[in-house]
Amino acid sequence: MERTIRQYVDKDLEGVLSSWEAATRLAHPFLTEEFLAQERHNIPNMYLPNADTWVVEQDGTVIGFIALIGNEVGAIFVQPDFHSTGAGRALMDQARDLHSVLEVEVFRANAIGRKFYDNYGFQPLSESVHEPTGQELLRLKYTAERAA
């Protein structure tokens, strides 16, 4: 089993979209089909062109990605079959190596994501409401020095 972290290239789009959709449906069952369809459109057209995106490949197949906008984790998604295998941690390690301080927003109702960020060492910063969905959002912060 060979795992690689590398920068996103255009040929990775299907793997990225597949990882996003499978993980989103698992972690966010509260999101509407309309919202998911809009996000699926936004990923290649708005988000990816404006983000520093890295993919995790296993045996040559993209199984997840992380998209950074500065030190903000705009997205991190891993195929559910690869949850708890270290793929997400490897992606977050890449982000940490690029930015010693990271911030992320996660839906309060996303127990999978909240557990991942908690285990990685993120701390709560603030709460807000995600206007498009009405869902509560938590803003979290990670500082590399604290976890060292």
Protein backbone atom coordinates (compact mmCIF):
# COMPACT_ATOMS: atom_id res chain seq x y z
CA MET A 1 0.00 0.00 0.00
CA GLU A 2 1.55 3.24 -1.15
CA ARG A 3 0.16 6.57 0.06
CA THR A 4 1.22 9.91 -1.43
CA ILE A 5 0.32 13.53 -0.68
CA ARG A 6 0.72 15.84 -3.67
CA GLN A 7 -0.68 19.01 -5.16
CA TYR A 8 -3.99 18.80 -7.00
CA VAL A 9 -3.94 18.70 -10.81
CA ASP A 10 -6.94 18.92 -13.14
CA LYS A 11 -7.05 15.15 -13.75
CA ASP A 12 -7.84 14.70 -10.02
CA LEU A 13 -11.26 16.37 -10.31
CA GLU A 14 -13.35 13.19 -10.40
CA GLY A 15 -11.49 11.72 -7.42
CA VAL A 16 -11.92 14.96 -5.50
CA LEU A 17 -15.64 15.18 -6.30
CA SER A 18 -16.15 11.52 -5.44
CA SER A 19 -14.34 11.92 -2.10
CA TRP A 20 -16.30 15.09 -1.32
CA GLU A 21 -19.67 13.56 -2.14
CA ALA A 22 -19.19 10.26 -0.30
CA ALA A 23 -17.79 11.92 2.83
CA THR A 24 -20.33 14.77 2.74
CA ARG A 25 -23.28 12.41 2.55
CA LEU A 26 -21.92 10.46 5.52
CA ALA A 27 -21.03 13.44 7.73
CA HIS A 28 -23.76 15.88 6.65
CA PRO A 29 -27.07 13.96 6.30
CA PHE A 30 -28.85 17.22 7.21
CA LEU A 31 -27.83 19.02 3.98
CA THR A 32 -30.44 19.28 1.22
CA GLU A 33 -30.01 17.85 -2.27
CA GLU A 34 -30.31 21.40 -3.65
CA PHE A 35 -27.45 22.62 -1.45
CA LEU A 36 -25.29 19.60 -2.39
CA ALA A 37 -25.95 20.15 -6.11
CA GLN A 38 -24.89 23.79 -5.79
CA GLU A 39 -21.72 22.84 -3.90
CA ARG A 40 -20.89 20.14 -6.49
CA HIS A 41 -21.03 22.90 -9.12
CA ASN A 42 -19.03 25.35 -6.95
CA ILE A 43 -16.13 22.97 -6.22
CA PRO A 44 -14.57 22.95 -9.71
CA ASN A 45 -15.82 26.40 -10.70
CA MET A 46 -15.26 28.52 -7.58
CA TYR A 47 -13.40 26.69 -4.83
CA LEU A 48 -10.61 24.75 -6.54
CA PRO A 49 -9.39 27.68 -8.70
CA ASN A 50 -9.02 29.80 -5.54
CA ALA A 51 -7.52 27.23 -3.17
CA ASP A 52 -4.19 25.54 -2.52
CA THR A 53 -5.43 21.97 -2.88
CA TRP A 54 -3.59 18.77 -2.00
CA VAL A 55 -4.74 15.21 -2.65
CA VAL A 56 -3.98 11.98 -0.89
CA GLU A 57 -3.49 9.04 -3.24
CA GLN A 58 -3.43 5.42 -2.28
CA ASP A 59 -2.08 2.98 -4.83
CA GLY A 60 -2.53 5.65 -7.52
CA THR A 61 -6.17 6.50 -6.69
CA VAL A 62 -7.25 9.82 -5.15
CA ILE A 63 -8.97 8.98 -1.85
CA GLY A 64 -9.23 12.46 -0.38
CA PHE A 65 -8.17 16.09 -0.46
CA ILE A 66 -7.62 19.24 1.55
CA ALA A 67 -8.24 22.73 0.16
CA LEU A 68 -6.56 25.70 1.85
CA ILE A 69 -7.31 29.38 1.43
CA GLY A 70 -4.39 30.93 3.24
CA ASN A 71 -4.39 29.23 6.64
CA GLU A 72 -8.12 28.42 6.41
CA VAL A 73 -9.04 24.78 5.83
CA GLY A 74 -11.79 25.33 3.28
CA ALA A 75 -12.39 21.61 2.90
CA ILE A 76 -10.97 18.27 3.95
CA PHE A 77 -12.71 15.12 2.78
CA VAL A 78 -11.61 11.48 2.64
CA GLN A 79 -13.48 8.53 1.15
CA PRO A 80 -15.40 6.88 4.03
CA ASP A 81 -13.67 3.52 3.40
CA PHE A 82 -10.41 5.28 4.32
CA HIS A 83 -11.61 7.04 7.48
CA SER A 84 -9.42 6.20 10.50
CA THR A 85 -6.52 5.05 8.29
CA GLY A 86 -4.38 8.18 8.73
CA ALA A 87 -5.28 9.67 5.33
CA GLY A 88 -7.03 12.70 6.85
CA ARG A 89 -4.24 13.19 9.37
CA ALA A 90 -1.66 13.07 6.55
CA LEU A 91 -3.58 15.81 4.71
CA MET A 92 -3.83 17.94 7.86
CA ASP A 93 -0.11 17.38 8.51
CA GLN A 94 0.56 18.82 5.04
CA ALA A 95 -1.53 21.89 5.92
CA ARG A 96 0.26 22.22 9.28
CA ASP A 97 3.64 22.06 7.53
CA LEU A 98 2.54 24.95 5.29
CA HIS A 99 0.85 27.05 8.02
CA SER A 100 1.66 26.71 11.72
CA VAL A 101 -1.75 28.18 12.60
CA LEU A 102 -4.88 26.75 10.96
CA GLU A 103 -8.55 27.66 11.22
CA VAL A 104 -11.61 25.74 10.06
CA GLU A 105 -15.38 25.90 10.26
CA VAL A 106 -17.34 22.73 10.95
CA PHE A 107 -21.05 22.14 11.33
CA ARG A 108 -21.99 21.46 14.95
CA ALA A 109 -24.08 18.54 13.66
CA ASN A 110 -21.04 16.98 11.93
CA ALA A 111 -19.92 14.58 14.67
CA ILE A 112 -17.34 12.90 12.38
CA GLY A 113 -15.59 16.16 11.51
CA ARG A 114 -15.76 17.51 15.06
CA LYS A 115 -14.13 14.34 16.44
CA PHE A 116 -11.39 14.52 13.78
CA TYR A 117 -10.57 18.16 14.56
CA ASP A 118 -10.70 17.55 18.30
CA ASN A 119 -8.32 14.58 17.99
CA TYR A 120 -5.96 16.70 15.88
CA GLY A 121 -5.82 19.42 18.52
CA PHE A 122 -8.12 22.15 17.22
CA GLN A 123 -9.63 24.43 19.87
CA PRO A 124 -12.98 26.27 19.71
CA LEU A 125 -12.87 29.95 18.72
CA SER A 126 -16.45 31.04 18.01
CA GLU A 127 -19.92 29.97 16.87
CA SER A 128 -22.14 31.31 14.12
CA VAL A 129 -24.99 30.27 11.83
CA HIS A 130 -24.35 29.09 8.27
CA GLU A 131 -26.82 31.29 6.42
CA PRO A 132 -27.47 29.03 3.39
CA THR A 133 -28.48 26.06 5.60
CA GLY A 134 -29.43 27.57 8.96
CA GLN A 135 -27.02 25.11 10.61
CA GLU A 136 -24.79 26.06 13.54
CA LEU A 137 -21.11 26.43 12.65
CA LEU A 138 -18.14 26.15 14.96
CA ARG A 139 -14.90 28.00 14.11
CA LEU A 140 -11.86 26.13 15.38
CA LYS A 141 -8.17 27.02 15.56
CA TYR A 142 -5.04 24.89 15.60
CA THR A 143 -1.62 26.21 16.61
CA ALA A 144 1.30 23.89 15.89
CA GLU A 145 3.28 24.99 18.97
CA ARG A 146 0.51 23.85 21.31
CA ALA A 147 0.45 20.33 19.91
CA ALA A 148 4.24 19.96 19.83
